Amino acid sequence: MKKYIIPLMAIAAAMTFNLCSCTSTDTDNSFSSYNSTDKETSSPNDAIQPFSDYFNAFISGEGEKVILATTPAVYIEQMNADGTYNTLLTETEDIVIKYTMKAWEEQYGNNISISPADIQDVVELSSVQLDEAVQSYKITYGDTSSEINITEGYELTYSYTIGGSKTSEDIIETSCFVKIENDGWKMLPLTSADLKGYAEAINNLNSNQ
């Protein structure tokens, strides 16, 4: 099996652009709260639910659910307030989803499907790593002021199968899943080692201000 790069960072990059640069004034969009799980839980099986939420929405072309599986509500609320959310949603559906699905269909054929994730390894994130996850969000979304309280998290190694009418492929990935207070579980497309790099970046940013 090989590591498969999921197209999450393209969405994060689009969000960063929207938060920092977009000047749209359309504020009519109302977003309905969508938590990957609202119930109290410490189970890795519940933590990984955003993986299924993300890919099921991706295949069905539901850009809002793709965004909500990975994005803290505080940033979605900001984008709704400043009128940039509709731009992000359009970019997610018309660029990220459209072109990724096209690439998948060229490789695997029509009728793309992705199996549920099978967890291979579980590492609970430490309090330091949870703080680093907060810093990673602030760097990714270009905002250091919003308060995000991550109450628990895991680094999960998991396998799944992606396939279509022509062929299929077994994939293995490692990424973090974090639970945000009053917001549920989110898939964070970083390893625990990546988190440390983001924390160092924001510390350097703060020290230079």
C-alpha atoms as a PDB file:
ATOM      1  CA  MET A   1       0.000   0.000   0.000  1.00  0.00           C
ATOM      2  CA  LYS A   2       1.143   3.552  -0.595  1.00  0.00           C
ATOM      3  CA  LYS A   3       0.336   6.872   0.948  1.00  0.00           C
ATOM      4  CA  TYR A   4      -2.372   8.729  -0.959  1.00  0.00           C
ATOM      5  CA  ILE A   5      -2.391  12.504  -0.798  1.00  0.00           C
ATOM      6  CA  ILE A   6      -5.936  13.708  -0.183  1.00  0.00           C
ATOM      7  CA  PRO A   7      -6.810  17.140  -1.635  1.00  0.00           C
ATOM      8  CA  LEU A   8      -7.279  18.916   1.689  1.00  0.00           C
ATOM      9  CA  MET A   9      -4.503  21.449   1.519  1.00  0.00           C
ATOM     10  CA  ALA A  10      -5.948  22.901  -1.681  1.00  0.00           C
ATOM     11  CA  ILE A  11      -9.056  23.746   0.301  1.00  0.00           C
ATOM     12  CA  ALA A  12      -6.979  25.177   3.135  1.00  0.00           C
ATOM     13  CA  ALA A  13      -5.071  27.338   0.668  1.00  0.00           C
ATOM     14  CA  ALA A  14      -8.323  28.609  -0.813  1.00  0.00           C
ATOM     15  CA  MET A  15      -9.576  29.419   2.687  1.00  0.00           C
ATOM     16  CA  THR A  16      -6.416  31.312   3.530  1.00  0.00           C
ATOM     17  CA  PHE A  17      -6.826  33.365   0.358  1.00  0.00           C
ATOM     18  CA  ASN A  18     -10.438  34.122   1.162  1.00  0.00           C
ATOM     19  CA  LEU A  19      -9.781  35.093   4.770  1.00  0.00           C
ATOM     20  CA  CYS A  20      -6.878  37.368   3.890  1.00  0.00           C
ATOM     21  CA  SER A  21      -7.639  38.725   0.423  1.00  0.00           C
ATOM     22  CA  CYS A  22     -11.223  38.409  -0.791  1.00  0.00           C
ATOM     23  CA  THR A  23     -13.353  41.567  -0.762  1.00  0.00           C
ATOM     24  CA  SER A  24     -16.754  40.141  -1.669  1.00  0.00           C
ATOM     25  CA  THR A  25     -19.665  41.672   0.245  1.00  0.00           C
ATOM     26  CA  ASP A  26     -22.211  38.898  -0.259  1.00  0.00           C
ATOM     27  CA  THR A  27     -23.387  37.944   3.237  1.00  0.00           C
ATOM     28  CA  ASP A  28     -26.668  36.228   2.406  1.00  0.00           C
ATOM     29  CA  ASN A  29     -25.309  32.701   2.812  1.00  0.00           C
ATOM     30  CA  SER A  30     -26.401  30.950   5.988  1.00  0.00           C
ATOM     31  CA  PHE A  31     -24.472  27.906   7.022  1.00  0.00           C
ATOM     32  CA  SER A  32     -26.130  25.129   8.963  1.00  0.00           C
ATOM     33  CA  SER A  33     -24.035  23.722  11.774  1.00  0.00           C
ATOM     34  CA  TYR A  34     -22.675  20.314  10.847  1.00  0.00           C
ATOM     35  CA  ASN A  35     -20.611  18.489  13.459  1.00  0.00           C
ATOM     36  CA  SER A  36     -18.980  15.196  12.595  1.00  0.00           C
ATOM     37  CA  THR A  37     -20.064  14.073  16.023  1.00  0.00           C
ATOM     38  CA  ASP A  38     -21.666  16.135  18.767  1.00  0.00           C
ATOM     39  CA  LYS A  39     -21.759  13.419  21.370  1.00  0.00           C
ATOM     40  CA  GLU A  40     -19.164  13.095  24.110  1.00  0.00           C
ATOM     41  CA  THR A  41     -16.671  10.445  23.094  1.00  0.00           C
ATOM     42  CA  SER A  42     -13.044   9.468  23.322  1.00  0.00           C
ATOM     43  CA  SER A  43     -13.236   6.656  20.781  1.00  0.00           C
ATOM     44  CA  PRO A  44     -10.869   6.654  17.791  1.00  0.00           C
ATOM     45  CA  ASN A  45     -13.699   5.095  15.787  1.00  0.00           C
ATOM     46  CA  ASP A  46     -15.779   8.224  16.386  1.00  0.00           C
ATOM     47  CA  ALA A  47     -12.782  10.490  15.860  1.00  0.00           C
ATOM     48  CA  ILE A  48     -12.199   9.143  12.349  1.00  0.00           C
ATOM     49  CA  GLN A  49     -15.806   9.762  11.264  1.00  0.00           C
ATOM     50  CA  PRO A  50     -14.851  13.017   9.434  1.00  0.00           C
ATOM     51  CA  PHE A  51     -12.862  10.850   6.997  1.00  0.00           C
ATOM     52  CA  SER A  52     -16.102   9.243   5.784  1.00  0.00           C
ATOM     53  CA  ASP A  53     -17.977  12.538   5.958  1.00  0.00           C
ATOM     54  CA  TYR A  54     -15.308  14.204   3.824  1.00  0.00           C
ATOM     55  CA  PHE A  55     -15.014  11.576   1.098  1.00  0.00           C
ATOM     56  CA  ASN A  56     -18.731  10.810   0.873  1.00  0.00           C
ATOM     57  CA  ALA A  57     -19.391  14.524   0.400  1.00  0.00           C
ATOM     58  CA  PHE A  58     -16.506  14.773  -2.060  1.00  0.00           C
ATOM     59  CA  ILE A  59     -17.876  12.016  -4.272  1.00  0.00           C
ATOM     60  CA  SER A  60     -21.409  13.447  -4.149  1.00  0.00           C
ATOM     61  CA  GLY A  61     -20.140  16.959  -4.862  1.00  0.00           C
ATOM     62  CA  GLU A  62     -21.366  18.496  -1.596  1.00  0.00           C
ATOM     63  CA  GLY A  63     -18.828  21.241  -1.076  1.00  0.00           C
ATOM     64  CA  GLU A  64     -20.300  22.482   2.196  1.00  0.00           C
ATOM     65  CA  LYS A  65     -19.870  19.105   3.887  1.00  0.00           C
ATOM     66  CA  VAL A  66     -16.340  18.791   2.503  1.00  0.00           C
ATOM     67  CA  ILE A  67     -15.476  22.104   4.129  1.00  0.00           C
ATOM     68  CA  LEU A  68     -17.259  21.352   7.394  1.00  0.00           C
ATOM     69  CA  ALA A  69     -15.474  18.009   7.869  1.00  0.00           C
ATOM     70  CA  THR A  70     -12.139  19.825   8.079  1.00  0.00           C
ATOM     71  CA  THR A  71     -12.803  23.435   9.079  1.00  0.00           C
ATOM     72  CA  PRO A  72     -13.405  24.904  12.548  1.00  0.00           C
ATOM     73  CA  ALA A  73     -16.779  26.642  12.781  1.00  0.00           C
ATOM     74  CA  VAL A  74     -15.139  29.867  13.961  1.00  0.00           C
ATOM     75  CA  TYR A  75     -13.538  30.333  10.526  1.00  0.00           C
ATOM     76  CA  ILE A  76     -16.725  29.477   8.665  1.00  0.00           C
ATOM     77  CA  GLU A  77     -18.523  32.076  10.776  1.00  0.00           C
ATOM     78  CA  GLN A  78     -15.846  34.628   9.913  1.00  0.00           C
ATOM     79  CA  MET A  79     -16.229  33.926   6.213  1.00  0.00           C
ATOM     80  CA  ASN A  80     -20.001  34.213   6.445  1.00  0.00           C
ATOM     81  CA  ALA A  81     -19.588  37.530   8.260  1.00  0.00           C
ATOM     82  CA  ASP A  82     -17.191  39.038   5.725  1.00  0.00           C
ATOM     83  CA  GLY A  83     -18.935  37.590   2.671  1.00  0.00           C
ATOM     84  CA  THR A  84     -16.200  35.231   1.486  1.00  0.00           C
ATOM     85  CA  TYR A  85     -17.812  31.862   2.246  1.00  0.00           C
ATOM     86  CA  ASN A  86     -19.721  31.624  -1.042  1.00  0.00           C
ATOM     87  CA  THR A  87     -16.460  32.169  -2.920  1.00  0.00           C
ATOM     88  CA  LEU A  88     -14.814  29.345  -1.003  1.00  0.00           C
ATOM     89  CA  LEU A  89     -17.793  27.052  -1.579  1.00  0.00           C
ATOM     90  CA  THR A  90     -17.721  27.745  -5.315  1.00  0.00           C
ATOM     91  CA  GLU A  91     -13.967  27.123  -5.492  1.00  0.00           C
ATOM     92  CA  THR A  92     -14.348  23.890  -3.526  1.00  0.00           C
ATOM     93  CA  GLU A  93     -17.099  22.520  -5.779  1.00  0.00           C
ATOM     94  CA  ASP A  94     -16.017  23.898  -9.161  1.00  0.00           C
ATOM     95  CA  ILE A  95     -12.245  23.546  -8.832  1.00  0.00           C
ATOM     96  CA  VAL A  96     -11.109  21.245  -6.002  1.00  0.00           C
ATOM     97  CA  ILE A  97     -13.850  18.615  -6.239  1.00  0.00           C
ATOM     98  CA  LYS A  98     -14.306  18.829 -10.013  1.00  0.00           C
ATOM     99  CA  TYR A  99     -10.657  18.383 -10.934  1.00  0.00           C
ATOM    100  CA  THR A 100      -9.891  15.815  -8.245  1.00  0.00           C
ATOM    101  CA  MET A 101     -12.853  13.689  -9.354  1.00  0.00           C
ATOM    102  CA  LYS A 102     -11.682  14.004 -12.957  1.00  0.00           C
ATOM    103  CA  ALA A 103      -8.215  12.765 -11.977  1.00  0.00           C
ATOM    104  CA  TRP A 104      -9.690   9.886  -9.986  1.00  0.00           C
ATOM    105  CA  GLU A 105     -11.938   8.857 -12.882  1.00  0.00           C
ATOM    106  CA  GLU A 106      -9.000   8.916 -15.299  1.00  0.00           C
ATOM    107  CA  GLN A 107      -7.047   6.674 -12.937  1.00  0.00           C
ATOM    108  CA  TYR A 108      -9.728   4.381 -11.530  1.00  0.00           C
ATOM    109  CA  GLY A 109     -12.684   4.682 -13.925  1.00  0.00           C
ATOM    110  CA  ASN A 110     -16.281   5.736 -13.327  1.00  0.00           C
ATOM    111  CA  ASN A 111     -18.392   5.162 -10.213  1.00  0.00           C
ATOM    112  CA  ILE A 112     -15.686   6.127  -7.734  1.00  0.00           C
ATOM    113  CA  SER A 113     -16.086   4.672  -4.264  1.00  0.00           C
ATOM    114  CA  ILE A 114     -13.985   4.745  -1.111  1.00  0.00           C
ATOM    115  CA  SER A 115     -14.201   2.114   1.593  1.00  0.00           C
ATOM    116  CA  PRO A 116     -14.571   2.964   5.284  1.00  0.00           C
ATOM    117  CA  ALA A 117     -11.255   3.570   7.008  1.00  0.00           C
ATOM    118  CA  ASP A 118      -9.690   0.659   8.872  1.00  0.00           C
ATOM    119  CA  ILE A 119      -7.635   1.997  11.790  1.00  0.00           C
ATOM    120  CA  GLN A 120      -4.176   0.445  11.974  1.00  0.00           C
ATOM    121  CA  ASP A 121      -2.561   2.475  14.748  1.00  0.00           C
ATOM    122  CA  VAL A 122      -3.711   4.970  17.383  1.00  0.00           C
ATOM    123  CA  VAL A 123      -1.628   7.582  19.198  1.00  0.00           C
ATOM    124  CA  GLU A 124      -3.402   9.954  21.558  1.00  0.00           C
ATOM    125  CA  LEU A 125      -2.213  13.528  21.166  1.00  0.00           C
ATOM    126  CA  SER A 126      -0.588  15.114  24.201  1.00  0.00           C
ATOM    127  CA  SER A 127      -1.638  18.482  25.630  1.00  0.00           C
ATOM    128  CA  VAL A 128       1.365  20.051  23.908  1.00  0.00           C
ATOM    129  CA  GLN A 129       0.319  18.542  20.577  1.00  0.00           C
ATOM    130  CA  LEU A 130      -3.263  19.738  21.045  1.00  0.00           C
ATOM    131  CA  ASP A 131      -1.906  23.260  21.475  1.00  0.00           C
ATOM    132  CA  GLU A 132       0.227  22.771  18.366  1.00  0.00           C
ATOM    133  CA  ALA A 133      -2.930  21.769  16.493  1.00  0.00           C
ATOM    134  CA  VAL A 134      -4.504  25.080  17.510  1.00  0.00           C
ATOM    135  CA  GLN A 135      -1.438  26.922  16.199  1.00  0.00           C
ATOM    136  CA  SER A 136      -1.633  24.991  12.915  1.00  0.00           C
ATOM    137  CA  TYR A 137      -5.193  26.193  12.374  1.00  0.00           C
ATOM    138  CA  LYS A 138      -4.190  29.785  13.057  1.00  0.00           C
ATOM    139  CA  ILE A 139      -1.326  29.603  10.561  1.00  0.00           C
ATOM    140  CA  THR A 140      -3.398  27.813   7.908  1.00  0.00           C
ATOM    141  CA  TYR A 141      -6.291  30.253   8.078  1.00  0.00           C
ATOM    142  CA  GLY A 142      -4.178  33.368   8.526  1.00  0.00           C
ATOM    143  CA  ASP A 143      -5.750  34.307  11.842  1.00  0.00           C
ATOM    144  CA  THR A 144      -4.002  34.377  15.214  1.00  0.00           C
ATOM    145  CA  SER A 145      -6.768  35.995  17.253  1.00  0.00           C
ATOM    146  CA  SER A 146      -9.630  33.490  17.256  1.00  0.00           C
ATOM    147  CA  GLU A 147      -9.987  31.236  20.271  1.00  0.00           C
ATOM    148  CA  ILE A 148     -10.145  27.508  19.483  1.00  0.00           C
ATOM    149  CA  ASN A 149     -10.327  24.984  22.307  1.00  0.00           C
ATOM    150  CA  ILE A 150      -9.286  21.487  21.231  1.00  0.00           C
ATOM    151  CA  THR A 151     -10.294  19.076  23.964  1.00  0.00           C
ATOM    152  CA  GLU A 152      -8.830  15.826  22.638  1.00  0.00           C
ATOM    153  CA  GLY A 153      -7.231  14.314  19.583  1.00  0.00           C
ATOM    154  CA  TYR A 154      -5.538  11.353  17.957  1.00  0.00           C
ATOM    155  CA  GLU A 155      -2.938  10.687  15.333  1.00  0.00           C
ATOM    156  CA  LEU A 156      -4.439   7.787  13.392  1.00  0.00           C
ATOM    157  CA  THR A 157      -2.852   5.534  10.833  1.00  0.00           C
ATOM    158  CA  TYR A 158      -5.581   4.003   8.700  1.00  0.00           C
ATOM    159  CA  SER A 159      -6.088   2.142   5.466  1.00  0.00           C
ATOM    160  CA  TYR A 160      -8.837   2.325   2.866  1.00  0.00           C
ATOM    161  CA  THR A 161      -9.533   1.348  -0.727  1.00  0.00           C
ATOM    162  CA  ILE A 162     -10.366   3.751  -3.530  1.00  0.00           C
ATOM    163  CA  GLY A 163     -11.625   2.372  -6.804  1.00  0.00           C
ATOM    164  CA  GLY A 164     -13.859   2.655  -9.824  1.00  0.00           C
ATOM    165  CA  SER A 165     -14.954   0.727 -12.890  1.00  0.00           C
ATOM    166  CA  LYS A 166     -11.368   0.140 -14.120  1.00  0.00           C
ATOM    167  CA  THR A 167      -9.234  -0.545 -11.069  1.00  0.00           C
ATOM    168  CA  SER A 168      -8.798   0.024  -7.352  1.00  0.00           C
ATOM    169  CA  GLU A 169      -5.961   0.810  -4.991  1.00  0.00           C
ATOM    170  CA  ASP A 170      -5.226   0.203  -1.313  1.00  0.00           C
ATOM    171  CA  ILE A 171      -4.073   3.343   0.507  1.00  0.00           C
ATOM    172  CA  ILE A 172      -2.544   3.947   3.920  1.00  0.00           C
ATOM    173  CA  GLU A 173      -2.364   7.360   5.575  1.00  0.00           C
ATOM    174  CA  THR A 174      -1.481   8.965   8.869  1.00  0.00           C
ATOM    175  CA  SER A 175      -3.187  12.165   9.967  1.00  0.00           C
ATOM    176  CA  CYS A 176      -4.588  13.875  13.034  1.00  0.00           C
ATOM    177  CA  PHE A 177      -8.201  14.096  14.133  1.00  0.00           C
ATOM    178  CA  VAL A 178      -9.141  16.653  16.763  1.00  0.00           C
ATOM    179  CA  LYS A 179     -12.248  17.459  18.756  1.00  0.00           C
ATOM    180  CA  ILE A 180     -13.048  21.161  19.040  1.00  0.00           C
ATOM    181  CA  GLU A 181     -15.208  22.305  21.931  1.00  0.00           C
ATOM    182  CA  ASN A 182     -18.820  22.856  20.790  1.00  0.00           C
ATOM    183  CA  ASP A 183     -17.795  21.948  17.232  1.00  0.00           C
ATOM    184  CA  GLY A 184     -17.134  18.200  17.167  1.00  0.00           C
ATOM    185  CA  TRP A 185     -14.425  16.136  15.497  1.00  0.00           C
ATOM    186  CA  LYS A 186     -12.477  17.486  12.518  1.00  0.00           C
ATOM    187  CA  MET A 187     -10.003  15.825  10.181  1.00  0.00           C
ATOM    188  CA  LEU A 188      -6.686  17.692  10.271  1.00  0.00           C
ATOM    189  CA  PRO A 189      -4.474  16.678   7.297  1.00  0.00           C
ATOM    190  CA  LEU A 190      -1.224  16.775   9.269  1.00  0.00           C
ATOM    191  CA  THR A 191       0.869  14.298  11.222  1.00  0.00           C
ATOM    192  CA  SER A 192       2.001  15.024  14.773  1.00  0.00           C
ATOM    193  CA  ALA A 193       5.451  15.885  13.376  1.00  0.00           C
ATOM    194  CA  ASP A 194       3.826  18.427  11.044  1.00  0.00           C
ATOM    195  CA  LEU A 195       2.064  20.041  14.010  1.00  0.00           C
ATOM    196  CA  LYS A 196       5.367  20.894  15.645  1.00  0.00           C
ATOM    197  CA  GLY A 197       6.497  22.741  12.525  1.00  0.00           C
ATOM    198  CA  TYR A 198       3.332  24.848  12.481  1.00  0.00           C
ATOM    199  CA  ALA A 199       3.750  25.717  16.171  1.00  0.00           C
ATOM    200  CA  GLU A 200       7.332  26.819  15.557  1.00  0.00           C
ATOM    201  CA  ALA A 201       6.182  28.958  12.624  1.00  0.00           C
ATOM    202  CA  ILE A 202       3.606  30.852  14.662  1.00  0.00           C
ATOM    203  CA  ASN A 203       6.075  31.325  17.527  1.00  0.00           C
ATOM    204  CA  ASN A 204       8.534  32.860  15.066  1.00  0.00           C
ATOM    205  CA  LEU A 205       5.776  35.066  13.680  1.00  0.00           C
ATOM    206  CA  ASN A 206       4.836  36.313  17.151  1.00  0.00           C
ATOM    207  CA  SER A 207       8.466  36.973  18.131  1.00  0.00           C
ATOM    208  CA  ASN A 208       8.961  39.146  15.048  1.00  0.00           C
ATOM    209  CA  GLN A 209       5.959  41.346  15.736  1.00  0.00           C
END
